[in-house]
Amino acid sequence: MNLLHTGLRVSLASLLLLAGSISARAQISFVDLYHTNVLSQTADGSAGVSYNYSYAGLDLFSQTANEYTTVQTFYPGAGSPVTLANDDPNDATHYEYSASFTSQNAMNTAFPTGTYSYAANGGGPSATTMINYANDAYPATQPYLAGTTYSSLQGMNSAASFTFQLSPFTKDASATSAYIFLNIFNSLTGNVVFSANFLSPSTTSVSMPANTLQPGTAYVFDLDYSDRVLVSSPGADYDATLGFDIRTDGNFTTAIPEPAVSLFVLAGIGAFLLRRVKKGRTIAASLRK
């Protein structure tokens, strides 16, 4: 809207003051709330999968880096409020909090349904937003490596390509979107060495190129089936995400290749054995005389 065409007499000074106040206003980009159940796979198929633990996570992203000094979330749980830390080394706009639990019931008790209010303060004007967590929307099926994928991973040849077979993914009817995430981590360093993320729920296999992994090395895989629900988040740039994930983890170690033997070594061994055979024949012939 052009203020000069509204019949209002607005001075240039007033316009500059208004523009300055808008640009200085702190703003939350978006927030989210995640509930995740973590499973472990130790054998082929669904029979090799068991519950491990659960965790809840809350995130807030600001428009600019290091914009706030304090970010808190107020909610119906007994531990309210919690403080979100700005400690992501790769993203200074990211404020986060997470907590682990021994059961889904314990997680739901600590972070129940209800209204979650986010308050960001410091470094300028404060900013707030809120979301309504009304109900869970977990995938209807659990993730696992299907067929003989799990056993085939144990001692796999890292010099060859490998195909992961995935269990079927049925999303909750109330989910706005759903994705599959498959990641491989180096057990020692924790570094991600292979990723196939934001895959369609209809994905049933993932191929990993040859020489992606190192021989004789321990790795961890995690297969995450994620349902997401978009909810209104007044005061933020974008709608908030409620995430309901089921993730299955497992361990494997690649094979140590057999030592390579050169043709020259093989030829030398062959010549030595041939000489032994000839010598044996000579001795045997002399004994017959």
C-alpha atoms as a PDB file:
ATOM      1  CA  MET A   1       0.000   0.000   0.000  1.00  0.00           C
ATOM      2  CA  ASN A   2       1.292   3.478  -0.882  1.00  0.00           C
ATOM      3  CA  LEU A   3       0.759   5.684   2.179  1.00  0.00           C
ATOM      4  CA  LEU A   4       0.997   8.885   0.096  1.00  0.00           C
ATOM      5  CA  HIS A   5      -2.180   7.896  -1.757  1.00  0.00           C
ATOM      6  CA  THR A   6      -4.354   7.254   1.295  1.00  0.00           C
ATOM      7  CA  GLY A   7      -5.179  10.892   2.120  1.00  0.00           C
ATOM      8  CA  LEU A   8      -2.943  10.674   5.210  1.00  0.00           C
ATOM      9  CA  ARG A   9      -0.229  13.269   5.540  1.00  0.00           C
ATOM     10  CA  VAL A  10       2.853  11.225   6.474  1.00  0.00           C
ATOM     11  CA  SER A  11       6.143  13.037   6.867  1.00  0.00           C
ATOM     12  CA  LEU A  12       9.384  11.673   5.449  1.00  0.00           C
ATOM     13  CA  ALA A  13      10.758  11.485   8.988  1.00  0.00           C
ATOM     14  CA  SER A  14       7.843   9.294  10.058  1.00  0.00           C
ATOM     15  CA  LEU A  15       8.429   6.934   7.127  1.00  0.00           C
ATOM     16  CA  LEU A  16      12.109   6.608   7.969  1.00  0.00           C
ATOM     17  CA  LEU A  17      11.272   5.906  11.606  1.00  0.00           C
ATOM     18  CA  LEU A  18       8.741   3.252  10.579  1.00  0.00           C
ATOM     19  CA  ALA A  19      11.210   1.583   8.213  1.00  0.00           C
ATOM     20  CA  GLY A  20      13.863   1.546  10.922  1.00  0.00           C
ATOM     21  CA  SER A  21      11.563  -0.091  13.443  1.00  0.00           C
ATOM     22  CA  ILE A  22      10.562  -2.820  10.964  1.00  0.00           C
ATOM     23  CA  SER A  23      14.142  -3.707  10.044  1.00  0.00           C
ATOM     24  CA  ALA A  24      15.163  -3.795  13.728  1.00  0.00           C
ATOM     25  CA  ARG A  25      12.319  -6.082  14.748  1.00  0.00           C
ATOM     26  CA  ALA A  26      13.578  -9.526  15.742  1.00  0.00           C
ATOM     27  CA  GLN A  27      11.906 -12.368  13.924  1.00  0.00           C
ATOM     28  CA  ILE A  28      11.684 -16.126  14.381  1.00  0.00           C
ATOM     29  CA  SER A  29      12.079 -18.015  11.129  1.00  0.00           C
ATOM     30  CA  PHE A  30      10.428 -21.263  12.258  1.00  0.00           C
ATOM     31  CA  VAL A  31      10.152 -23.729  15.157  1.00  0.00           C
ATOM     32  CA  ASP A  32       9.546 -27.450  15.466  1.00  0.00           C
ATOM     33  CA  LEU A  33       8.866 -30.222  17.965  1.00  0.00           C
ATOM     34  CA  TYR A  34       9.978 -33.824  17.349  1.00  0.00           C
ATOM     35  CA  HIS A  35       9.179 -37.099  19.103  1.00  0.00           C
ATOM     36  CA  THR A  36      11.331 -40.072  18.039  1.00  0.00           C
ATOM     37  CA  ASN A  37      11.287 -43.763  18.949  1.00  0.00           C
ATOM     38  CA  VAL A  38      14.631 -45.488  18.329  1.00  0.00           C
ATOM     39  CA  LEU A  39      14.829 -49.215  17.572  1.00  0.00           C
ATOM     40  CA  SER A  40      17.801 -51.572  17.138  1.00  0.00           C
ATOM     41  CA  GLN A  41      18.233 -54.219  14.438  1.00  0.00           C
ATOM     42  CA  THR A  42      20.466 -57.212  15.188  1.00  0.00           C
ATOM     43  CA  ALA A  43      19.247 -59.785  12.638  1.00  0.00           C
ATOM     44  CA  ASP A  44      17.432 -60.017   9.316  1.00  0.00           C
ATOM     45  CA  GLY A  45      13.847 -58.804   9.018  1.00  0.00           C
ATOM     46  CA  SER A  46      11.367 -57.528  11.572  1.00  0.00           C
ATOM     47  CA  ALA A  47      12.168 -60.346  14.013  1.00  0.00           C
ATOM     48  CA  GLY A  48      15.604 -58.797  14.531  1.00  0.00           C
ATOM     49  CA  VAL A  49      14.199 -55.415  15.606  1.00  0.00           C
ATOM     50  CA  SER A  50      13.626 -54.330  19.212  1.00  0.00           C
ATOM     51  CA  TYR A  51      12.853 -51.061  21.039  1.00  0.00           C
ATOM     52  CA  ASN A  52      15.835 -49.106  22.366  1.00  0.00           C
ATOM     53  CA  TYR A  53      14.870 -45.624  23.639  1.00  0.00           C
ATOM     54  CA  SER A  54      12.915 -42.437  22.810  1.00  0.00           C
ATOM     55  CA  TYR A  55      13.852 -38.777  22.640  1.00  0.00           C
ATOM     56  CA  ALA A  56      12.127 -35.423  22.262  1.00  0.00           C
ATOM     57  CA  GLY A  57      13.635 -32.437  20.483  1.00  0.00           C
ATOM     58  CA  LEU A  58      12.689 -28.774  20.132  1.00  0.00           C
ATOM     59  CA  ASP A  59      14.236 -26.346  17.655  1.00  0.00           C
ATOM     60  CA  LEU A  60      14.027 -22.639  16.884  1.00  0.00           C
ATOM     61  CA  PHE A  61      15.655 -20.929  13.906  1.00  0.00           C
ATOM     62  CA  SER A  62      16.202 -17.175  13.830  1.00  0.00           C
ATOM     63  CA  GLN A  63      16.454 -14.969  10.766  1.00  0.00           C
ATOM     64  CA  THR A  64      20.049 -13.996  11.490  1.00  0.00           C
ATOM     65  CA  ALA A  65      22.972 -15.654  13.267  1.00  0.00           C
ATOM     66  CA  ASN A  66      23.377 -15.202  17.038  1.00  0.00           C
ATOM     67  CA  GLU A  67      20.237 -13.071  17.161  1.00  0.00           C
ATOM     68  CA  TYR A  68      19.144 -14.148  20.653  1.00  0.00           C
ATOM     69  CA  THR A  69      20.901 -14.710  23.974  1.00  0.00           C
ATOM     70  CA  THR A  70      18.062 -16.698  25.586  1.00  0.00           C
ATOM     71  CA  VAL A  71      15.486 -18.972  23.955  1.00  0.00           C
ATOM     72  CA  GLN A  72      12.963 -20.868  26.071  1.00  0.00           C
ATOM     73  CA  THR A  73       9.950 -23.075  25.449  1.00  0.00           C
ATOM     74  CA  PHE A  74       7.012 -23.144  27.876  1.00  0.00           C
ATOM     75  CA  TYR A  75       4.719 -26.195  27.734  1.00  0.00           C
ATOM     76  CA  PRO A  76       2.376 -28.347  29.886  1.00  0.00           C
ATOM     77  CA  GLY A  77       5.113 -30.730  31.143  1.00  0.00           C
ATOM     78  CA  ALA A  78       6.536 -30.651  34.666  1.00  0.00           C
ATOM     79  CA  GLY A  79       9.974 -29.612  33.364  1.00  0.00           C
ATOM     80  CA  SER A  80       8.713 -26.403  31.742  1.00  0.00           C
ATOM     81  CA  PRO A  81      10.357 -24.194  30.661  1.00  0.00           C
ATOM     82  CA  VAL A  82      13.394 -25.646  28.881  1.00  0.00           C
ATOM     83  CA  THR A  83      16.229 -23.560  27.441  1.00  0.00           C
ATOM     84  CA  LEU A  84      17.267 -24.037  23.820  1.00  0.00           C
ATOM     85  CA  ALA A  85      21.027 -23.723  23.299  1.00  0.00           C
ATOM     86  CA  ASN A  86      22.692 -22.030  20.337  1.00  0.00           C
ATOM     87  CA  ASP A  87      25.525 -24.594  20.072  1.00  0.00           C
ATOM     88  CA  ASP A  88      25.270 -25.887  16.508  1.00  0.00           C
ATOM     89  CA  PRO A  89      28.806 -25.368  15.065  1.00  0.00           C
ATOM     90  CA  ASN A  90      27.397 -25.365  11.535  1.00  0.00           C
ATOM     91  CA  ASP A  91      24.420 -23.016  12.019  1.00  0.00           C
ATOM     92  CA  ALA A  92      24.411 -20.007  14.364  1.00  0.00           C
ATOM     93  CA  THR A  93      20.693 -19.435  13.659  1.00  0.00           C
ATOM     94  CA  HIS A  94      19.822 -22.780  15.286  1.00  0.00           C
ATOM     95  CA  TYR A  95      18.699 -23.089  18.925  1.00  0.00           C
ATOM     96  CA  GLU A  96      17.936 -26.607  20.167  1.00  0.00           C
ATOM     97  CA  TYR A  97      17.022 -28.818  23.104  1.00  0.00           C
ATOM     98  CA  SER A  98      16.712 -32.608  23.352  1.00  0.00           C
ATOM     99  CA  ALA A  99      16.153 -35.218  26.056  1.00  0.00           C
ATOM    100  CA  SER A 100      16.208 -39.034  26.037  1.00  0.00           C
ATOM    101  CA  PHE A 101      13.791 -41.416  27.738  1.00  0.00           C
ATOM    102  CA  THR A 102      13.583 -45.144  28.444  1.00  0.00           C
ATOM    103  CA  SER A 103      10.060 -45.431  27.007  1.00  0.00           C
ATOM    104  CA  GLN A 104       7.624 -43.612  24.751  1.00  0.00           C
ATOM    105  CA  ASN A 105       5.259 -43.209  27.710  1.00  0.00           C
ATOM    106  CA  ALA A 106       7.978 -41.432  29.694  1.00  0.00           C
ATOM    107  CA  MET A 107       8.635 -39.112  26.760  1.00  0.00           C
ATOM    108  CA  ASN A 108       4.928 -38.358  26.336  1.00  0.00           C
ATOM    109  CA  THR A 109       4.618 -37.614  30.058  1.00  0.00           C
ATOM    110  CA  ALA A 110       7.556 -35.213  29.979  1.00  0.00           C
ATOM    111  CA  PHE A 111       6.447 -33.539  26.726  1.00  0.00           C
ATOM    112  CA  PRO A 112       2.669 -34.034  26.507  1.00  0.00           C
ATOM    113  CA  THR A 113       0.120 -32.662  24.085  1.00  0.00           C
ATOM    114  CA  GLY A 114      -0.878 -29.038  24.520  1.00  0.00           C
ATOM    115  CA  THR A 115       0.370 -25.539  23.709  1.00  0.00           C
ATOM    116  CA  TYR A 116       4.110 -24.921  23.323  1.00  0.00           C
ATOM    117  CA  SER A 117       5.201 -21.268  23.527  1.00  0.00           C
ATOM    118  CA  TYR A 118       8.646 -20.193  22.287  1.00  0.00           C
ATOM    119  CA  ALA A 119      10.195 -16.989  23.665  1.00  0.00           C
ATOM    120  CA  ALA A 120      13.426 -15.519  22.244  1.00  0.00           C
ATOM    121  CA  ASN A 121      15.140 -12.603  24.000  1.00  0.00           C
ATOM    122  CA  GLY A 122      18.355 -10.593  23.998  1.00  0.00           C
ATOM    123  CA  GLY A 123      20.356  -8.677  21.413  1.00  0.00           C
ATOM    124  CA  GLY A 124      17.331  -6.579  20.496  1.00  0.00           C
ATOM    125  CA  PRO A 125      13.544  -6.829  20.578  1.00  0.00           C
ATOM    126  CA  SER A 126      12.101 -10.128  21.830  1.00  0.00           C
ATOM    127  CA  ALA A 127      10.107 -12.498  19.642  1.00  0.00           C
ATOM    128  CA  THR A 128       7.526 -15.145  20.430  1.00  0.00           C
ATOM    129  CA  THR A 129       5.531 -17.852  18.713  1.00  0.00           C
ATOM    130  CA  MET A 130       3.383 -20.796  19.757  1.00  0.00           C
ATOM    131  CA  ILE A 131       2.216 -24.128  18.375  1.00  0.00           C
ATOM    132  CA  ASN A 132      -0.527 -26.586  19.290  1.00  0.00           C
ATOM    133  CA  TYR A 133       0.594 -30.214  19.678  1.00  0.00           C
ATOM    134  CA  ALA A 134      -2.785 -31.963  19.544  1.00  0.00           C
ATOM    135  CA  ASN A 135      -1.996 -35.636  18.847  1.00  0.00           C
ATOM    136  CA  ASP A 136       0.682 -38.092  17.716  1.00  0.00           C
ATOM    137  CA  ALA A 137       1.094 -39.095  14.054  1.00  0.00           C
ATOM    138  CA  TYR A 138       3.736 -41.831  13.960  1.00  0.00           C
ATOM    139  CA  PRO A 139       4.238 -44.010  10.871  1.00  0.00           C
ATOM    140  CA  ALA A 140       2.024 -47.095  10.922  1.00  0.00           C
ATOM    141  CA  THR A 141       4.977 -49.372  10.083  1.00  0.00           C
ATOM    142  CA  GLN A 142       8.423 -49.709  11.605  1.00  0.00           C
ATOM    143  CA  PRO A 143      11.619 -49.301   9.581  1.00  0.00           C
ATOM    144  CA  TYR A 144      14.137 -52.107   9.155  1.00  0.00           C
ATOM    145  CA  LEU A 145      16.517 -53.538   6.567  1.00  0.00           C
ATOM    146  CA  ALA A 146      14.406 -56.086   4.702  1.00  0.00           C
ATOM    147  CA  GLY A 147      15.295 -59.463   3.214  1.00  0.00           C
ATOM    148  CA  THR A 148      18.865 -60.524   3.975  1.00  0.00           C
ATOM    149  CA  THR A 149      20.238 -56.969   3.883  1.00  0.00           C
ATOM    150  CA  TYR A 150      21.313 -56.939   7.524  1.00  0.00           C
ATOM    151  CA  SER A 151      23.278 -60.192   7.354  1.00  0.00           C
ATOM    152  CA  SER A 152      24.744 -59.217   3.959  1.00  0.00           C
ATOM    153  CA  LEU A 153      26.133 -56.037   5.515  1.00  0.00           C
ATOM    154  CA  GLN A 154      28.180 -58.033   8.012  1.00  0.00           C
ATOM    155  CA  GLY A 155      31.613 -58.448   6.415  1.00  0.00           C
ATOM    156  CA  MET A 156      30.483 -56.819   3.171  1.00  0.00           C
ATOM    157  CA  ASN A 157      32.977 -56.149   0.394  1.00  0.00           C
ATOM    158  CA  SER A 158      33.433 -52.368   0.414  1.00  0.00           C
ATOM    159  CA  ALA A 159      34.951 -52.469  -3.079  1.00  0.00           C
ATOM    160  CA  ALA A 160      31.583 -53.556  -4.503  1.00  0.00           C
ATOM    161  CA  SER A 161      28.287 -51.677  -4.737  1.00  0.00           C
ATOM    162  CA  PHE A 162      25.592 -52.556  -2.216  1.00  0.00           C
ATOM    163  CA  THR A 163      21.778 -52.391  -2.274  1.00  0.00           C
ATOM    164  CA  PHE A 164      19.755 -51.778   0.891  1.00  0.00           C
ATOM    165  CA  GLN A 165      16.297 -53.364   0.846  1.00  0.00           C
ATOM    166  CA  LEU A 166      13.825 -51.377   2.969  1.00  0.00           C
ATOM    167  CA  SER A 167      10.680 -52.430   4.788  1.00  0.00           C
ATOM    168  CA  PRO A 168       7.332 -50.931   3.645  1.00  0.00           C
ATOM    169  CA  PHE A 169       6.479 -47.427   4.925  1.00  0.00           C
ATOM    170  CA  THR A 170       2.849 -46.545   5.678  1.00  0.00           C
ATOM    171  CA  LYS A 171       2.426 -42.981   6.935  1.00  0.00           C
ATOM    172  CA  ASP A 172      -0.186 -41.828   9.414  1.00  0.00           C
ATOM    173  CA  ALA A 173      -3.342 -40.497   7.755  1.00  0.00           C
ATOM    174  CA  SER A 174      -3.005 -37.132   9.506  1.00  0.00           C
ATOM    175  CA  ALA A 175       0.601 -36.524   8.409  1.00  0.00           C
ATOM    176  CA  THR A 176       1.140 -33.579   6.066  1.00  0.00           C
ATOM    177  CA  SER A 177       4.235 -35.222   4.558  1.00  0.00           C
ATOM    178  CA  ALA A 178       6.474 -38.243   5.097  1.00  0.00           C
ATOM    179  CA  TYR A 179      10.098 -39.072   4.250  1.00  0.00           C
ATOM    180  CA  ILE A 180      12.705 -41.823   4.484  1.00  0.00           C
ATOM    181  CA  PHE A 181      16.254 -41.086   5.682  1.00  0.00           C
ATOM    182  CA  LEU A 182      19.120 -43.589   5.399  1.00  0.00           C
ATOM    183  CA  ASN A 183      22.532 -42.621   6.779  1.00  0.00           C
ATOM    184  CA  ILE A 184      25.779 -44.501   7.387  1.00  0.00           C
ATOM    185  CA  PHE A 185      28.174 -43.245  10.078  1.00  0.00           C
ATOM    186  CA  ASN A 186      31.762 -44.169  10.833  1.00  0.00           C
ATOM    187  CA  SER A 187      31.575 -45.766  14.307  1.00  0.00           C
ATOM    188  CA  LEU A 188      34.879 -44.267  15.439  1.00  0.00           C
ATOM    189  CA  THR A 189      34.593 -40.693  14.145  1.00  0.00           C
ATOM    190  CA  GLY A 190      30.808 -40.294  13.953  1.00  0.00           C
ATOM    191  CA  ASN A 191      31.168 -38.769  10.486  1.00  0.00           C
ATOM    192  CA  VAL A 192      28.457 -39.385   7.905  1.00  0.00           C
ATOM    193  CA  VAL A 193      29.915 -41.366   5.004  1.00  0.00           C
ATOM    194  CA  PHE A 194      26.720 -42.060   3.033  1.00  0.00           C
ATOM    195  CA  SER A 195      23.307 -40.374   2.940  1.00  0.00           C
ATOM    196  CA  ALA A 196      20.068 -40.924   1.061  1.00  0.00           C
ATOM    197  CA  ASN A 197      17.602 -38.425   2.535  1.00  0.00           C
ATOM    198  CA  PHE A 198      14.093 -37.046   1.951  1.00  0.00           C
ATOM    199  CA  LEU A 199      13.160 -40.167  -0.001  1.00  0.00           C
ATOM    200  CA  SER A 200       9.556 -40.919  -0.896  1.00  0.00           C
ATOM    201  CA  PRO A 201       7.725 -43.316   1.473  1.00  0.00           C
ATOM    202  CA  SER A 202       7.283 -45.621  -1.538  1.00  0.00           C
ATOM    203  CA  THR A 203      11.058 -46.193  -1.746  1.00  0.00           C
ATOM    204  CA  THR A 204      11.898 -49.879  -1.255  1.00  0.00           C
ATOM    205  CA  SER A 205      15.633 -49.958  -2.010  1.00  0.00           C
ATOM    206  CA  VAL A 206      18.690 -47.701  -1.941  1.00  0.00           C
ATOM    207  CA  SER A 207      21.953 -48.328  -3.841  1.00  0.00           C
ATOM    208  CA  MET A 208      25.348 -47.368  -2.417  1.00  0.00           C
ATOM    209  CA  PRO A 209      28.238 -47.051  -4.917  1.00  0.00           C
ATOM    210  CA  ALA A 210      31.346 -49.195  -4.665  1.00  0.00           C
ATOM    211  CA  ASN A 211      34.232 -47.854  -2.544  1.00  0.00           C
ATOM    212  CA  THR A 212      31.938 -45.599  -0.507  1.00  0.00           C
ATOM    213  CA  LEU A 213      33.103 -47.388   2.645  1.00  0.00           C
ATOM    214  CA  GLN A 214      36.555 -48.430   3.795  1.00  0.00           C
ATOM    215  CA  PRO A 215      37.629 -52.068   4.261  1.00  0.00           C
ATOM    216  CA  GLY A 216      37.912 -53.461   7.773  1.00  0.00           C
ATOM    217  CA  THR A 217      35.963 -50.533   9.275  1.00  0.00           C
ATOM    218  CA  ALA A 218      33.049 -50.435  11.733  1.00  0.00           C
ATOM    219  CA  TYR A 219      29.933 -48.488  10.778  1.00  0.00           C
ATOM    220  CA  VAL A 220      26.457 -47.644  12.089  1.00  0.00           C
ATOM    221  CA  PHE A 221      23.389 -47.380   9.864  1.00  0.00           C
ATOM    222  CA  ASP A 222      20.218 -45.571  10.783  1.00  0.00           C
ATOM    223  CA  LEU A 223      16.983 -45.861   8.851  1.00  0.00           C
ATOM    224  CA  ASP A 224      14.415 -43.206   9.772  1.00  0.00           C
ATOM    225  CA  TYR A 225      10.738 -43.158   8.774  1.00  0.00           C
ATOM    226  CA  SER A 226       9.471 -39.636   9.474  1.00  0.00           C
ATOM    227  CA  ASP A 227       5.879 -38.349   9.539  1.00  0.00           C
ATOM    228  CA  ARG A 228       5.471 -34.558   9.668  1.00  0.00           C
ATOM    229  CA  VAL A 229       2.505 -32.345  10.466  1.00  0.00           C
ATOM    230  CA  LEU A 230       2.493 -28.630   9.641  1.00  0.00           C
ATOM    231  CA  VAL A 231       0.769 -26.427  12.233  1.00  0.00           C
ATOM    232  CA  SER A 232       0.170 -22.703  12.556  1.00  0.00           C
ATOM    233  CA  SER A 233       2.952 -20.731  14.251  1.00  0.00           C
ATOM    234  CA  PRO A 234       1.889 -17.068  14.611  1.00  0.00           C
ATOM    235  CA  GLY A 235       4.807 -14.654  14.842  1.00  0.00           C
ATOM    236  CA  ALA A 236       7.183 -16.855  12.817  1.00  0.00           C
ATOM    237  CA  ASP A 237       7.971 -16.647   9.124  1.00  0.00           C
ATOM    238  CA  TYR A 238       6.805 -20.196   8.404  1.00  0.00           C
ATOM    239  CA  ASP A 239       4.423 -22.791   9.809  1.00  0.00           C
ATOM    240  CA  ALA A 240       5.903 -25.056  12.472  1.00  0.00           C
ATOM    241  CA  THR A 241       6.595 -28.776  12.066  1.00  0.00           C
ATOM    242  CA  LEU A 242       5.514 -31.518  14.433  1.00  0.00           C
ATOM    243  CA  GLY A 243       7.699 -34.533  13.662  1.00  0.00           C
ATOM    244  CA  PHE A 244       6.949 -38.137  14.620  1.00  0.00           C
ATOM    245  CA  ASP A 245       9.814 -40.449  13.727  1.00  0.00           C
ATOM    246  CA  ILE A 246      10.617 -44.130  14.096  1.00  0.00           C
ATOM    247  CA  ARG A 247      14.321 -44.822  13.586  1.00  0.00           C
ATOM    248  CA  THR A 248      16.152 -48.136  13.453  1.00  0.00           C
ATOM    249  CA  ASP A 249      19.910 -48.348  14.071  1.00  0.00           C
ATOM    250  CA  GLY A 250      22.364 -51.199  13.527  1.00  0.00           C
ATOM    251  CA  ASN A 251      26.078 -52.002  13.413  1.00  0.00           C
ATOM    252  CA  PHE A 252      28.272 -53.712  10.842  1.00  0.00           C
ATOM    253  CA  THR A 253      31.927 -54.042   9.886  1.00  0.00           C
ATOM    254  CA  THR A 254      33.268 -54.308   6.342  1.00  0.00           C
ATOM    255  CA  ALA A 255      35.528 -57.174   5.306  1.00  0.00           C
ATOM    256  CA  ILE A 256      39.311 -57.057   5.380  1.00  0.00           C
ATOM    257  CA  PRO A 257      40.447 -58.001   1.856  1.00  0.00           C
ATOM    258  CA  GLU A 258      42.791 -60.938   1.310  1.00  0.00           C
ATOM    259  CA  PRO A 259      46.402 -59.827   0.695  1.00  0.00           C
ATOM    260  CA  ALA A 260      47.133 -59.463  -3.012  1.00  0.00           C
ATOM    261  CA  VAL A 261      49.758 -61.866  -4.395  1.00  0.00           C
ATOM    262  CA  SER A 262      51.623 -60.729  -7.498  1.00  0.00           C
ATOM    263  CA  LEU A 263      52.070 -62.901 -10.586  1.00  0.00           C
ATOM    264  CA  PHE A 264      55.815 -62.811 -10.030  1.00  0.00           C
ATOM    265  CA  VAL A 265      55.396 -64.282  -6.546  1.00  0.00           C
ATOM    266  CA  LEU A 266      53.043 -66.949  -7.868  1.00  0.00           C
ATOM    267  CA  ALA A 267      55.491 -67.777 -10.668  1.00  0.00           C
ATOM    268  CA  GLY A 268      58.315 -68.073  -8.138  1.00  0.00           C
ATOM    269  CA  ILE A 269      56.261 -70.375  -5.900  1.00  0.00           C
ATOM    270  CA  GLY A 270      55.347 -72.489  -8.910  1.00  0.00           C
ATOM    271  CA  ALA A 271      58.980 -72.825 -10.023  1.00  0.00           C
ATOM    272  CA  PHE A 272      60.043 -73.786  -6.478  1.00  0.00           C
ATOM    273  CA  LEU A 273      57.375 -76.490  -6.244  1.00  0.00           C
ATOM    274  CA  LEU A 274      58.305 -77.790  -9.693  1.00  0.00           C
ATOM    275  CA  ARG A 275      61.941 -78.117  -8.631  1.00  0.00           C
ATOM    276  CA  ARG A 276      60.869 -79.970  -5.480  1.00  0.00           C
ATOM    277  CA  VAL A 277      58.826 -82.382  -7.556  1.00  0.00           C
ATOM    278  CA  LYS A 278      61.682 -83.012  -9.998  1.00  0.00           C
ATOM    279  CA  LYS A 279      64.125 -83.500  -7.138  1.00  0.00           C
ATOM    280  CA  GLY A 280      61.769 -85.964  -5.500  1.00  0.00           C
ATOM    281  CA  ARG A 281      61.500 -87.947  -8.720  1.00  0.00           C
ATOM    282  CA  THR A 282      65.301 -88.032  -9.061  1.00  0.00           C
ATOM    283  CA  ILE A 283      65.728 -89.356  -5.520  1.00  0.00           C
ATOM    284  CA  ALA A 284      63.021 -91.938  -6.001  1.00  0.00           C
ATOM    285  CA  ALA A 285      64.653 -93.143  -9.250  1.00  0.00           C
ATOM    286  CA  SER A 286      68.062 -93.511  -7.599  1.00  0.00           C
ATOM    287  CA  LEU A 287      66.570 -95.588  -4.796  1.00  0.00           C
ATOM    288  CA  ARG A 288      65.053 -98.012  -7.304  1.00  0.00           C
ATOM    289  CA  LYS A 289      68.465 -98.797  -8.842  1.00  0.00           C
END
